[in-house]
Amino acid sequence: MYNAIRIAALTTTLVTALATSSAAFANVQGPALYGAAVASSNAQRHIVITDDTRYVNVDNGDTIEFQINGASYTWHFDTLWNETAFDLSKIVPAGALNKPVTVYVAANPLYRG
């Protein structure tokens, strides 16, 4: 009887822990998957987006200030994957871009083998 109670308690604890961690991960959506907006004083690089720009290359861990149509947006890239690609419009305000610009995020060079 004591073992049955102990197993039930352990199972309940395990299920609760798994549900909590998966719920927390489920809340990471949209821009949060790619990092966070930061102050422009933290920028390591500056990239000007023009009408001819089709893509930009960054490294995971970079902090980039994007200049688009006279406005600037600074982003610290912190993706969950080693390499990824996404549309820049996912991290800049709506209407900032006139056309799609793909961001290619390479693995952080500090952690490359």
PDB file of N, CA and C in Angstrom:
ATOM      1  N   MET A   1       0.821  -1.197   0.000  1.00  0.00           N
ATOM      2  CA  MET A   1       0.000   0.000   0.000  1.00  0.00           C
ATOM      3  C   MET A   1       0.865   1.261   0.000  1.00  0.00           C
ATOM      4  N   TYR A   2       1.915   1.237   0.810  1.00  0.00           N
ATOM      5  CA  TYR A   2       2.804   2.390   0.896  1.00  0.00           C
ATOM      6  C   TYR A   2       3.459   2.656  -0.457  1.00  0.00           C
ATOM      7  N   ASN A   3       3.886   1.601  -1.168  1.00  0.00           N
ATOM      8  CA  ASN A   3       4.506   1.773  -2.492  1.00  0.00           C
ATOM      9  C   ASN A   3       3.521   2.352  -3.504  1.00  0.00           C
ATOM     10  N   ALA A   4       2.269   1.936  -3.436  1.00  0.00           N
ATOM     11  CA  ALA A   4       1.259   2.454  -4.358  1.00  0.00           C
ATOM     12  C   ALA A   4       1.050   3.955  -4.147  1.00  0.00           C
ATOM     13  N   ILE A   5       1.033   4.403  -2.903  1.00  0.00           N
ATOM     14  CA  ILE A   5       0.867   5.831  -2.595  1.00  0.00           C
ATOM     15  C   ILE A   5       2.093   6.611  -3.071  1.00  0.00           C
ATOM     16  N   ARG A   6       3.268   6.047  -2.846  1.00  0.00           N
ATOM     17  CA  ARG A   6       4.509   6.708  -3.255  1.00  0.00           C
ATOM     18  C   ARG A   6       4.581   6.826  -4.784  1.00  0.00           C
ATOM     19  N   ILE A   7       4.190   5.788  -5.491  1.00  0.00           N
ATOM     20  CA  ILE A   7       4.196   5.820  -6.954  1.00  0.00           C
ATOM     21  C   ILE A   7       3.172   6.836  -7.471  1.00  0.00           C
ATOM     22  N   ALA A   8       2.012   6.897  -6.862  1.00  0.00           N
ATOM     23  CA  ALA A   8       0.985   7.863  -7.270  1.00  0.00           C
ATOM     24  C   ALA A   8       1.473   9.290  -7.050  1.00  0.00           C
ATOM     25  N   ALA A   9       2.119   9.541  -5.923  1.00  0.00           N
ATOM     26  CA  ALA A   9       2.637  10.884  -5.626  1.00  0.00           C
ATOM     27  C   ALA A   9       3.740  11.265  -6.613  1.00  0.00           C
ATOM     28  N   LEU A  10       4.620  10.331  -6.904  1.00  0.00           N
ATOM     29  CA  LEU A  10       5.699  10.589  -7.855  1.00  0.00           C
ATOM     30  C   LEU A  10       5.144  10.848  -9.258  1.00  0.00           C
ATOM     31  N   THR A  11       4.155  10.082  -9.661  1.00  0.00           N
ATOM     32  CA  THR A  11       3.532  10.260 -10.970  1.00  0.00           C
ATOM     33  C   THR A  11       2.856  11.622 -11.069  1.00  0.00           C
ATOM     34  N   THR A  12       2.150  12.016 -10.031  1.00  0.00           N
ATOM     35  CA  THR A  12       1.484  13.323 -10.013  1.00  0.00           C
ATOM     36  C   THR A  12       2.505  14.448 -10.120  1.00  0.00           C
ATOM     37  N   THR A  13       3.592  14.338  -9.383  1.00  0.00           N
ATOM     38  CA  THR A  13       4.645  15.357  -9.425  1.00  0.00           C
ATOM     39  C   THR A  13       5.262  15.445 -10.814  1.00  0.00           C
ATOM     40  N   LEU A  14       5.529  14.307 -11.411  1.00  0.00           N
ATOM     41  CA  LEU A  14       6.126  14.275 -12.740  1.00  0.00           C
ATOM     42  C   LEU A  14       5.193  14.868 -13.787  1.00  0.00           C
ATOM     43  N   VAL A  15       3.933  14.516 -13.756  1.00  0.00           N
ATOM     44  CA  VAL A  15       2.956  15.041 -14.706  1.00  0.00           C
ATOM     45  C   VAL A  15       2.806  16.549 -14.549  1.00  0.00           C
ATOM     46  N   THR A  16       2.774  17.027 -13.325  1.00  0.00           N
ATOM     47  CA  THR A  16       2.656  18.471 -13.068  1.00  0.00           C
ATOM     48  C   THR A  16       3.877  19.212 -13.598  1.00  0.00           C
ATOM     49  N   ALA A  17       5.059  18.657 -13.363  1.00  0.00           N
ATOM     50  CA  ALA A  17       6.288  19.298 -13.842  1.00  0.00           C
ATOM     51  C   ALA A  17       6.320  19.355 -15.361  1.00  0.00           C
ATOM     52  N   LEU A  18       5.941  18.290 -16.016  1.00  0.00           N
ATOM     53  CA  LEU A  18       5.923  18.273 -17.479  1.00  0.00           C
ATOM     54  C   LEU A  18       4.891  19.236 -18.039  1.00  0.00           C
ATOM     55  N   ALA A  19       3.739  19.297 -17.437  1.00  0.00           N
ATOM     56  CA  ALA A  19       2.690  20.202 -17.907  1.00  0.00           C
ATOM     57  C   ALA A  19       3.122  21.651 -17.740  1.00  0.00           C
ATOM     58  N   THR A  20       3.766  21.958 -16.634  1.00  0.00           N
ATOM     59  CA  THR A  20       4.221  23.322 -16.375  1.00  0.00           C
ATOM     60  C   THR A  20       5.292  23.736 -17.377  1.00  0.00           C
ATOM     61  N   SER A  21       6.274  22.862 -17.625  1.00  0.00           N
ATOM     62  CA  SER A  21       7.352  23.222 -18.536  1.00  0.00           C
ATOM     63  C   SER A  21       6.849  23.336 -19.966  1.00  0.00           C
ATOM     64  N   SER A  22       5.954  22.462 -20.393  1.00  0.00           N
ATOM     65  CA  SER A  22       5.443  22.564 -21.760  1.00  0.00           C
ATOM     66  C   SER A  22       4.539  23.785 -21.914  1.00  0.00           C
ATOM     67  N   ALA A  23       3.814  24.148 -20.883  1.00  0.00           N
ATOM     68  CA  ALA A  23       2.971  25.347 -20.948  1.00  0.00           C
ATOM     69  C   ALA A  23       3.845  26.597 -21.040  1.00  0.00           C
ATOM     70  N   ALA A  24       4.940  26.621 -20.323  1.00  0.00           N
ATOM     71  CA  ALA A  24       5.842  27.764 -20.382  1.00  0.00           C
ATOM     72  C   ALA A  24       6.448  27.891 -21.772  1.00  0.00           C
ATOM     73  N   PHE A  25       6.833  26.779 -22.380  1.00  0.00           N
ATOM     74  CA  PHE A  25       7.406  26.812 -23.723  1.00  0.00           C
ATOM     75  C   PHE A  25       6.358  27.214 -24.748  1.00  0.00           C
ATOM     76  N   ALA A  26       5.122  26.811 -24.539  1.00  0.00           N
ATOM     77  CA  ALA A  26       4.051  27.143 -25.482  1.00  0.00           C
ATOM     78  C   ALA A  26       3.805  28.644 -25.536  1.00  0.00           C
ATOM     79  N   ASN A  27       4.138  29.369 -24.451  1.00  0.00           N
ATOM     80  CA  ASN A  27       3.931  30.810 -24.419  1.00  0.00           C
ATOM     81  C   ASN A  27       5.008  31.582 -25.179  1.00  0.00           C
ATOM     82  N   VAL A  28       6.096  30.901 -25.577  1.00  0.00           N
ATOM     83  CA  VAL A  28       7.150  31.563 -26.338  1.00  0.00           C
ATOM     84  C   VAL A  28       6.726  31.547 -27.792  1.00  0.00           C
ATOM     85  N   GLN A  29       6.182  32.656 -28.243  1.00  0.00           N
ATOM     86  CA  GLN A  29       5.663  32.747 -29.599  1.00  0.00           C
ATOM     87  C   GLN A  29       6.145  34.025 -30.241  1.00  0.00           C
ATOM     88  N   GLY A  30       5.919  34.114 -31.521  1.00  0.00           N
ATOM     89  CA  GLY A  30       6.208  35.339 -32.253  1.00  0.00           C
ATOM     90  C   GLY A  30       7.632  35.812 -32.075  1.00  0.00           C
ATOM     91  N   PRO A  31       7.833  37.119 -31.885  1.00  0.00           N
ATOM     92  CA  PRO A  31       9.175  37.664 -31.806  1.00  0.00           C
ATOM     93  C   PRO A  31      10.039  37.052 -30.712  1.00  0.00           C
ATOM     94  N   ALA A  32       9.438  36.582 -29.625  1.00  0.00           N
ATOM     95  CA  ALA A  32      10.225  36.022 -28.534  1.00  0.00           C
ATOM     96  C   ALA A  32      11.035  34.812 -28.978  1.00  0.00           C
ATOM     97  N   LEU A  33      10.615  34.143 -30.031  1.00  0.00           N
ATOM     98  CA  LEU A  33      11.376  33.005 -30.549  1.00  0.00           C
ATOM     99  C   LEU A  33      12.718  33.434 -31.130  1.00  0.00           C
ATOM    100  N   TYR A  34      12.848  34.696 -31.471  1.00  0.00           N
ATOM    101  CA  TYR A  34      14.032  35.174 -32.174  1.00  0.00           C
ATOM    102  C   TYR A  34      14.920  36.087 -31.340  1.00  0.00           C
ATOM    103  N   GLY A  35      14.523  36.416 -30.133  1.00  0.00           N
ATOM    104  CA  GLY A  35      15.309  37.298 -29.283  1.00  0.00           C
ATOM    105  C   GLY A  35      14.441  38.385 -28.689  1.00  0.00           C
ATOM    106  N   ALA A  36      15.017  39.594 -28.572  1.00  0.00           N
ATOM    107  CA  ALA A  36      14.277  40.681 -27.940  1.00  0.00           C
ATOM    108  C   ALA A  36      14.760  42.032 -28.442  1.00  0.00           C
ATOM    109  N   ALA A  37      13.854  42.993 -28.418  1.00  0.00           N
ATOM    110  CA  ALA A  37      14.217  44.376 -28.739  1.00  0.00           C
ATOM    111  C   ALA A  37      15.038  44.936 -27.590  1.00  0.00           C
ATOM    112  N   VAL A  38      16.070  45.691 -27.920  1.00  0.00           N
ATOM    113  CA  VAL A  38      16.947  46.279 -26.904  1.00  0.00           C
ATOM    114  C   VAL A  38      17.218  47.735 -27.259  1.00  0.00           C
ATOM    115  N   ALA A  39      17.860  48.440 -26.345  1.00  0.00           N
ATOM    116  CA  ALA A  39      18.212  49.842 -26.585  1.00  0.00           C
ATOM    117  C   ALA A  39      19.260  49.940 -27.687  1.00  0.00           C
ATOM    118  N   SER A  40      19.181  50.990 -28.484  1.00  0.00           N
ATOM    119  CA  SER A  40      20.105  51.149 -29.611  1.00  0.00           C
ATOM    120  C   SER A  40      21.559  51.286 -29.163  1.00  0.00           C
ATOM    121  N   SER A  41      21.792  51.700 -27.925  1.00  0.00           N
ATOM    122  CA  SER A  41      23.163  51.823 -27.427  1.00  0.00           C
ATOM    123  C   SER A  41      23.856  50.466 -27.306  1.00  0.00           C
ATOM    124  N   ASN A  42      23.094  49.376 -27.345  1.00  0.00           N
ATOM    125  CA  ASN A  42      23.680  48.035 -27.246  1.00  0.00           C
ATOM    126  C   ASN A  42      24.089  47.459 -28.597  1.00  0.00           C
ATOM    127  N   ALA A  43      23.796  48.151 -29.679  1.00  0.00           N
ATOM    128  CA  ALA A  43      24.049  47.612 -31.024  1.00  0.00           C
ATOM    129  C   ALA A  43      25.535  47.388 -31.275  1.00  0.00           C
ATOM    130  N   GLN A  44      25.840  46.219 -31.849  1.00  0.00           N
ATOM    131  CA  GLN A  44      27.205  45.885 -32.247  1.00  0.00           C
ATOM    132  C   GLN A  44      27.426  46.193 -33.725  1.00  0.00           C
ATOM    133  N   ARG A  45      26.356  46.107 -34.499  1.00  0.00           N
ATOM    134  CA  ARG A  45      26.404  46.364 -35.941  1.00  0.00           C
ATOM    135  C   ARG A  45      25.193  47.185 -36.338  1.00  0.00           C
ATOM    136  N   HIS A  46      25.322  47.855 -37.477  1.00  0.00           N
ATOM    137  CA  HIS A  46      24.227  48.644 -38.027  1.00  0.00           C
ATOM    138  C   HIS A  46      23.997  48.177 -39.464  1.00  0.00           C
ATOM    139  N   ILE A  47      22.760  47.864 -39.787  1.00  0.00           N
ATOM    140  CA  ILE A  47      22.414  47.419 -41.132  1.00  0.00           C
ATOM    141  C   ILE A  47      21.317  48.325 -41.667  1.00  0.00           C
ATOM    142  N   VAL A  48      21.570  48.912 -42.832  1.00  0.00           N
ATOM    143  CA  VAL A  48      20.582  49.770 -43.490  1.00  0.00           C
ATOM    144  C   VAL A  48      19.794  48.898 -44.468  1.00  0.00           C
ATOM    145  N   ILE A  49      18.488  48.885 -44.300  1.00  0.00           N
ATOM    146  CA  ILE A  49      17.596  48.125 -45.175  1.00  0.00           C
ATOM    147  C   ILE A  49      17.088  49.082 -46.257  1.00  0.00           C
ATOM    148  N   THR A  50      17.407  48.778 -47.503  1.00  0.00           N
ATOM    149  CA  THR A  50      16.951  49.594 -48.636  1.00  0.00           C
ATOM    150  C   THR A  50      15.938  48.790 -49.449  1.00  0.00           C
ATOM    151  N   ASP A  51      15.436  49.399 -50.528  1.00  0.00           N
ATOM    152  CA  ASP A  51      14.493  48.689 -51.390  1.00  0.00           C
ATOM    153  C   ASP A  51      15.148  47.509 -52.104  1.00  0.00           C
ATOM    154  N   ASP A  52      16.481  47.529 -52.219  1.00  0.00           N
ATOM    155  CA  ASP A  52      17.205  46.446 -52.882  1.00  0.00           C
ATOM    156  C   ASP A  52      17.560  45.295 -51.938  1.00  0.00           C
ATOM    157  N   THR A  53      17.397  45.483 -50.643  1.00  0.00           N
ATOM    158  CA  THR A  53      17.782  44.458 -49.672  1.00  0.00           C
ATOM    159  C   THR A  53      16.809  43.288 -49.725  1.00  0.00           C
ATOM    160  N   ARG A  54      17.342  42.110 -49.967  1.00  0.00           N
ATOM    161  CA  ARG A  54      16.513  40.898 -49.994  1.00  0.00           C
ATOM    162  C   ARG A  54      16.741  40.035 -48.760  1.00  0.00           C
ATOM    163  N   TYR A  55      17.949  40.118 -48.175  1.00  0.00           N
ATOM    164  CA  TYR A  55      18.255  39.306 -46.999  1.00  0.00           C
ATOM    165  C   TYR A  55      19.369  39.970 -46.197  1.00  0.00           C
ATOM    166  N   VAL A  56      19.491  39.558 -44.935  1.00  0.00           N
ATOM    167  CA  VAL A  56      20.601  39.969 -44.078  1.00  0.00           C
ATOM    168  C   VAL A  56      21.114  38.732 -43.361  1.00  0.00           C
ATOM    169  N   ASN A  57      22.408  38.726 -43.065  1.00  0.00           N
ATOM    170  CA  ASN A  57      23.032  37.624 -42.338  1.00  0.00           C
ATOM    171  C   ASN A  57      23.480  38.118 -40.972  1.00  0.00           C
ATOM    172  N   VAL A  58      23.091  37.397 -39.934  1.00  0.00           N
ATOM    173  CA  VAL A  58      23.498  37.715 -38.570  1.00  0.00           C
ATOM    174  C   VAL A  58      23.900  36.417 -37.871  1.00  0.00           C
ATOM    175  N   ASP A  59      24.568  36.555 -36.739  1.00  0.00           N
ATOM    176  CA  ASP A  59      24.897  35.405 -35.903  1.00  0.00           C
ATOM    177  C   ASP A  59      23.996  35.403 -34.683  1.00  0.00           C
ATOM    178  N   ASN A  60      23.668  34.228 -34.202  1.00  0.00           N
ATOM    179  CA  ASN A  60      22.925  34.111 -32.952  1.00  0.00           C
ATOM    180  C   ASN A  60      23.766  34.777 -31.864  1.00  0.00           C
ATOM    181  N   GLY A  61      23.186  35.688 -31.117  1.00  0.00           N
ATOM    182  CA  GLY A  61      23.915  36.430 -30.092  1.00  0.00           C
ATOM    183  C   GLY A  61      24.263  37.846 -30.515  1.00  0.00           C
ATOM    184  N   ASP A  62      24.130  38.171 -31.816  1.00  0.00           N
ATOM    185  CA  ASP A  62      24.399  39.526 -32.303  1.00  0.00           C
ATOM    186  C   ASP A  62      23.316  40.492 -31.837  1.00  0.00           C
ATOM    187  N   THR A  63      23.714  41.748 -31.680  1.00  0.00           N
ATOM    188  CA  THR A  63      22.765  42.829 -31.431  1.00  0.00           C
ATOM    189  C   THR A  63      22.910  43.803 -32.600  1.00  0.00           C
ATOM    190  N   ILE A  64      21.834  43.920 -33.373  1.00  0.00           N
ATOM    191  CA  ILE A  64      21.874  44.660 -34.631  1.00  0.00           C
ATOM    192  C   ILE A  64      20.875  45.813 -34.599  1.00  0.00           C
ATOM    193  N   GLU A  65      21.325  46.985 -35.075  1.00  0.00           N
ATOM    194  CA  GLU A  65      20.414  48.103 -35.274  1.00  0.00           C
ATOM    195  C   GLU A  65      20.058  48.143 -36.757  1.00  0.00           C
ATOM    196  N   PHE A  66      18.780  47.965 -37.061  1.00  0.00           N
ATOM    197  CA  PHE A  66      18.291  48.033 -38.433  1.00  0.00           C
ATOM    198  C   PHE A  66      17.769  49.432 -38.679  1.00  0.00           C
ATOM    199  N   GLN A  67      18.199  50.046 -39.765  1.00  0.00           N
ATOM    200  CA  GLN A  67      17.691  51.354 -40.161  1.00  0.00           C
ATOM    201  C   GLN A  67      16.810  51.138 -41.391  1.00  0.00           C
ATOM    202  N   ILE A  68      15.518  51.435 -41.219  1.00  0.00           N
ATOM    203  CA  ILE A  68      14.535  51.198 -42.273  1.00  0.00           C
ATOM    204  C   ILE A  68      13.729  52.474 -42.486  1.00  0.00           C
ATOM    205  N   ASN A  69      13.839  53.053 -43.666  1.00  0.00           N
ATOM    206  CA  ASN A  69      13.063  54.259 -44.024  1.00  0.00           C
ATOM    207  C   ASN A  69      13.182  55.364 -42.978  1.00  0.00           C
ATOM    208  N   GLY A  70      14.380  55.609 -42.482  1.00  0.00           N
ATOM    209  CA  GLY A  70      14.613  56.687 -41.531  1.00  0.00           C
ATOM    210  C   GLY A  70      14.369  56.338 -40.074  1.00  0.00           C
ATOM    211  N   ALA A  71      13.813  55.175 -39.811  1.00  0.00           N
ATOM    212  CA  ALA A  71      13.584  54.745 -38.423  1.00  0.00           C
ATOM    213  C   ALA A  71      14.580  53.640 -38.075  1.00  0.00           C
ATOM    214  N   SER A  72      14.870  53.488 -36.798  1.00  0.00           N
ATOM    215  CA  SER A  72      15.805  52.432 -36.401  1.00  0.00           C
ATOM    216  C   SER A  72      15.162  51.516 -35.367  1.00  0.00           C
ATOM    217  N   TYR A  73      15.521  50.239 -35.468  1.00  0.00           N
ATOM    218  CA  TYR A  73      15.019  49.193 -34.580  1.00  0.00           C
ATOM    219  C   TYR A  73      16.211  48.328 -34.199  1.00  0.00           C
ATOM    220  N   THR A  74      16.422  48.132 -32.908  1.00  0.00           N
ATOM    221  CA  THR A  74      17.572  47.356 -32.450  1.00  0.00           C
ATOM    222  C   THR A  74      17.086  46.043 -31.868  1.00  0.00           C
ATOM    223  N   TRP A  75      17.732  44.966 -32.291  1.00  0.00           N
ATOM    224  CA  TRP A  75      17.310  43.621 -31.918  1.00  0.00           C
ATOM    225  C   TRP A  75      18.497  42.783 -31.482  1.00  0.00           C
ATOM    226  N   HIS A  76      18.332  42.075 -30.355  1.00  0.00           N
ATOM    227  CA  HIS A  76      19.334  41.096 -29.909  1.00  0.00           C
ATOM    228  C   HIS A  76      18.829  39.717 -30.316  1.00  0.00           C
ATOM    229  N   PHE A  77      19.573  39.033 -31.184  1.00  0.00           N
ATOM    230  CA  PHE A  77      19.169  37.718 -31.674  1.00  0.00           C
ATOM    231  C   PHE A  77      19.539  36.646 -30.670  1.00  0.00           C
ATOM    232  N   ASP A  78      18.529  35.900 -30.243  1.00  0.00           N
ATOM    233  CA  ASP A  78      18.708  34.812 -29.282  1.00  0.00           C
ATOM    234  C   ASP A  78      17.705  33.727 -29.648  1.00  0.00           C
ATOM    235  N   THR A  79      18.042  32.958 -30.683  1.00  0.00           N
ATOM    236  CA  THR A  79      17.117  31.947 -31.169  1.00  0.00           C
ATOM    237  C   THR A  79      17.296  30.637 -30.419  1.00  0.00           C
ATOM    238  N   LEU A  80      16.292  29.797 -30.500  1.00  0.00           N
ATOM    239  CA  LEU A  80      16.339  28.503 -29.831  1.00  0.00           C
ATOM    240  C   LEU A  80      17.105  27.472 -30.642  1.00  0.00           C
ATOM    241  N   TRP A  81      17.360  27.771 -31.903  1.00  0.00           N
ATOM    242  CA  TRP A  81      18.023  26.811 -32.779  1.00  0.00           C
ATOM    243  C   TRP A  81      19.398  27.321 -33.141  1.00  0.00           C
ATOM    244  N   ASN A  82      20.264  26.406 -33.606  1.00  0.00           N
ATOM    245  CA  ASN A  82      21.599  26.817 -34.032  1.00  0.00           C
ATOM    246  C   ASN A  82      21.542  27.713 -35.257  1.00  0.00           C
ATOM    247  N   GLU A  83      20.673  27.373 -36.210  1.00  0.00           N
ATOM    248  CA  GLU A  83      20.532  28.176 -37.415  1.00  0.00           C
ATOM    249  C   GLU A  83      19.060  28.255 -37.782  1.00  0.00           C
ATOM    250  N   THR A  84      18.659  29.397 -38.272  1.00  0.00           N
ATOM    251  CA  THR A  84      17.261  29.579 -38.658  1.00  0.00           C
ATOM    252  C   THR A  84      17.157  30.718 -39.653  1.00  0.00           C
ATOM    253  N   ALA A  85      16.020  30.831 -40.283  1.00  0.00           N
ATOM    254  CA  ALA A  85      15.731  31.938 -41.192  1.00  0.00           C
ATOM    255  C   ALA A  85      14.275  32.343 -40.991  1.00  0.00           C
ATOM    256  N   PHE A  86      14.012  33.648 -41.045  1.00  0.00           N
ATOM    257  CA  PHE A  86      12.645  34.154 -40.884  1.00  0.00           C
ATOM    258  C   PHE A  86      12.541  35.524 -41.526  1.00  0.00           C
ATOM    259  N   ASP A  87      11.323  35.994 -41.684  1.00  0.00           N
ATOM    260  CA  ASP A  87      11.071  37.303 -42.290  1.00  0.00           C
ATOM    261  C   ASP A  87      11.304  38.398 -41.242  1.00  0.00           C
ATOM    262  N   LEU A  88      12.036  39.425 -41.627  1.00  0.00           N
ATOM    263  CA  LEU A  88      12.341  40.538 -40.726  1.00  0.00           C
ATOM    264  C   LEU A  88      11.077  41.202 -40.192  1.00  0.00           C
ATOM    265  N   SER A  89       9.989  41.124 -40.932  1.00  0.00           N
ATOM    266  CA  SER A  89       8.741  41.751 -40.492  1.00  0.00           C
ATOM    267  C   SER A  89       8.212  41.140 -39.190  1.00  0.00           C
ATOM    268  N   LYS A  90       8.718  39.982 -38.789  1.00  0.00           N
ATOM    269  CA  LYS A  90       8.285  39.361 -37.535  1.00  0.00           C
ATOM    270  C   LYS A  90       8.831  40.089 -36.311  1.00  0.00           C
ATOM    271  N   ILE A  91       9.897  40.887 -36.487  1.00  0.00           N
ATOM    272  CA  ILE A  91      10.506  41.533 -35.322  1.00  0.00           C
ATOM    273  C   ILE A  91      10.512  43.058 -35.390  1.00  0.00           C
ATOM    274  N   VAL A  92      10.093  43.633 -36.507  1.00  0.00           N
ATOM    275  CA  VAL A  92       9.981  45.095 -36.594  1.00  0.00           C
ATOM    276  C   VAL A  92       8.502  45.459 -36.592  1.00  0.00           C
ATOM    277  N   PRO A  93       8.165  46.699 -36.276  1.00  0.00           N
ATOM    278  CA  PRO A  93       6.755  47.099 -36.246  1.00  0.00           C
ATOM    279  C   PRO A  93       6.059  46.884 -37.593  1.00  0.00           C
ATOM    280  N   ALA A  94       4.790  46.607 -37.513  1.00  0.00           N
ATOM    281  CA  ALA A  94       3.986  46.409 -38.727  1.00  0.00           C
ATOM    282  C   ALA A  94       4.073  47.646 -39.604  1.00  0.00           C
ATOM    283  N   GLY A  95       4.243  47.427 -40.906  1.00  0.00           N
ATOM    284  CA  GLY A  95       4.306  48.520 -41.858  1.00  0.00           C
ATOM    285  C   GLY A  95       5.687  49.125 -42.038  1.00  0.00           C
ATOM    286  N   ALA A  96       6.677  48.664 -41.266  1.00  0.00           N
ATOM    287  CA  ALA A  96       8.026  49.227 -41.378  1.00  0.00           C
ATOM    288  C   ALA A  96       8.702  48.824 -42.685  1.00  0.00           C
ATOM    289  N   LEU A  97       8.361  47.642 -43.182  1.00  0.00           N
ATOM    290  CA  LEU A  97       8.978  47.139 -44.412  1.00  0.00           C
ATOM    291  C   LEU A  97       8.014  47.231 -45.583  1.00  0.00           C
ATOM    292  N   ASN A  98       8.571  47.531 -46.763  1.00  0.00           N
ATOM    293  CA  ASN A  98       7.768  47.594 -47.980  1.00  0.00           C
ATOM    294  C   ASN A  98       7.691  46.243 -48.686  1.00  0.00           C
ATOM    295  N   LYS A  99       8.647  45.355 -48.375  1.00  0.00           N
ATOM    296  CA  LYS A  99       8.706  44.048 -49.039  1.00  0.00           C
ATOM    297  C   LYS A  99       9.386  43.056 -48.102  1.00  0.00           C
ATOM    298  N   PRO A 100       9.302  41.760 -48.405  1.00  0.00           N
ATOM    299  CA  PRO A 100       9.932  40.772 -47.524  1.00  0.00           C
ATOM    300  C   PRO A 100      11.460  40.879 -47.529  1.00  0.00           C
ATOM    301  N   VAL A 101      12.039  40.761 -46.339  1.00  0.00           N
ATOM    302  CA  VAL A 101      13.488  40.691 -46.161  1.00  0.00           C
ATOM    303  C   VAL A 101      13.740  39.495 -45.237  1.00  0.00           C
ATOM    304  N   THR A 102      14.530  38.549 -45.714  1.00  0.00           N
ATOM    305  CA  THR A 102      14.795  37.349 -44.933  1.00  0.00           C
ATOM    306  C   THR A 102      16.015  37.556 -44.044  1.00  0.00           C
ATOM    307  N   VAL A 103      15.901  37.168 -42.785  1.00  0.00           N
ATOM    308  CA  VAL A 103      17.019  37.202 -41.842  1.00  0.00           C
ATOM    309  C   VAL A 103      17.546  35.779 -41.719  1.00  0.00           C
ATOM    310  N   TYR A 104      18.817  35.593 -42.040  1.00  0.00           N
ATOM    311  CA  TYR A 104      19.474  34.302 -41.869  1.00  0.00           C
ATOM    312  C   TYR A 104      20.323  34.380 -40.610  1.00  0.00           C
ATOM    313  N   VAL A 105      19.974  33.560 -39.620  1.00  0.00           N
ATOM    314  CA  VAL A 105      20.687  33.558 -38.343  1.00  0.00           C
ATOM    315  C   VAL A 105      21.591  32.335 -38.305  1.00  0.00           C
ATOM    316  N   ALA A 106      22.891  32.566 -38.255  1.00  0.00           N
ATOM    317  CA  ALA A 106      23.871  31.483 -38.173  1.00  0.00           C
ATOM    318  C   ALA A 106      24.141  31.160 -36.706  1.00  0.00           C
ATOM    319  N   ALA A 107      24.668  29.980 -36.470  1.00  0.00           N
ATOM    320  CA  ALA A 107      25.031  29.586 -35.104  1.00  0.00           C
ATOM    321  C   ALA A 107      26.068  30.554 -34.552  1.00  0.00           C
ATOM    322  N   ASN A 108      26.030  30.757 -33.253  1.00  0.00           N
ATOM    323  CA  ASN A 108      26.976  31.651 -32.589  1.00  0.00           C
ATOM    324  C   ASN A 108      28.402  31.139 -32.808  1.00  0.00           C
ATOM    325  N   PRO A 109      29.310  31.966 -33.314  1.00  0.00           N
ATOM    326  CA  PRO A 109      30.669  31.501 -33.590  1.00  0.00           C
ATOM    327  C   PRO A 109      31.424  31.053 -32.336  1.00  0.00           C
ATOM    328  N   LEU A 110      31.002  31.528 -31.180  1.00  0.00           N
ATOM    329  CA  LEU A 110      31.659  31.094 -29.937  1.00  0.00           C
ATOM    330  C   LEU A 110      31.420  29.617 -29.645  1.00  0.00           C
ATOM    331  N   TYR A 111      30.346  29.054 -30.192  1.00  0.00           N
ATOM    332  CA  TYR A 111      29.968  27.683 -29.876  1.00  0.00           C
ATOM    333  C   TYR A 111      30.097  26.739 -31.060  1.00  0.00           C
ATOM    334  N   ARG A 112      30.660  27.222 -32.159  1.00  0.00           N
ATOM    335  CA  ARG A 112      30.843  26.347 -33.315  1.00  0.00           C
ATOM    336  C   ARG A 112      32.021  25.420 -33.052  1.00  0.00           C
ATOM    337  N   GLY A 113      31.885  24.177 -33.508  1.00  0.00           N
ATOM    338  CA  GLY A 113      32.927  23.154 -33.294  1.00  0.00           C
ATOM    339  C   GLY A 113      34.078  23.386 -34.122  1.00  0.00           C
TER     340      GLY A 113
END
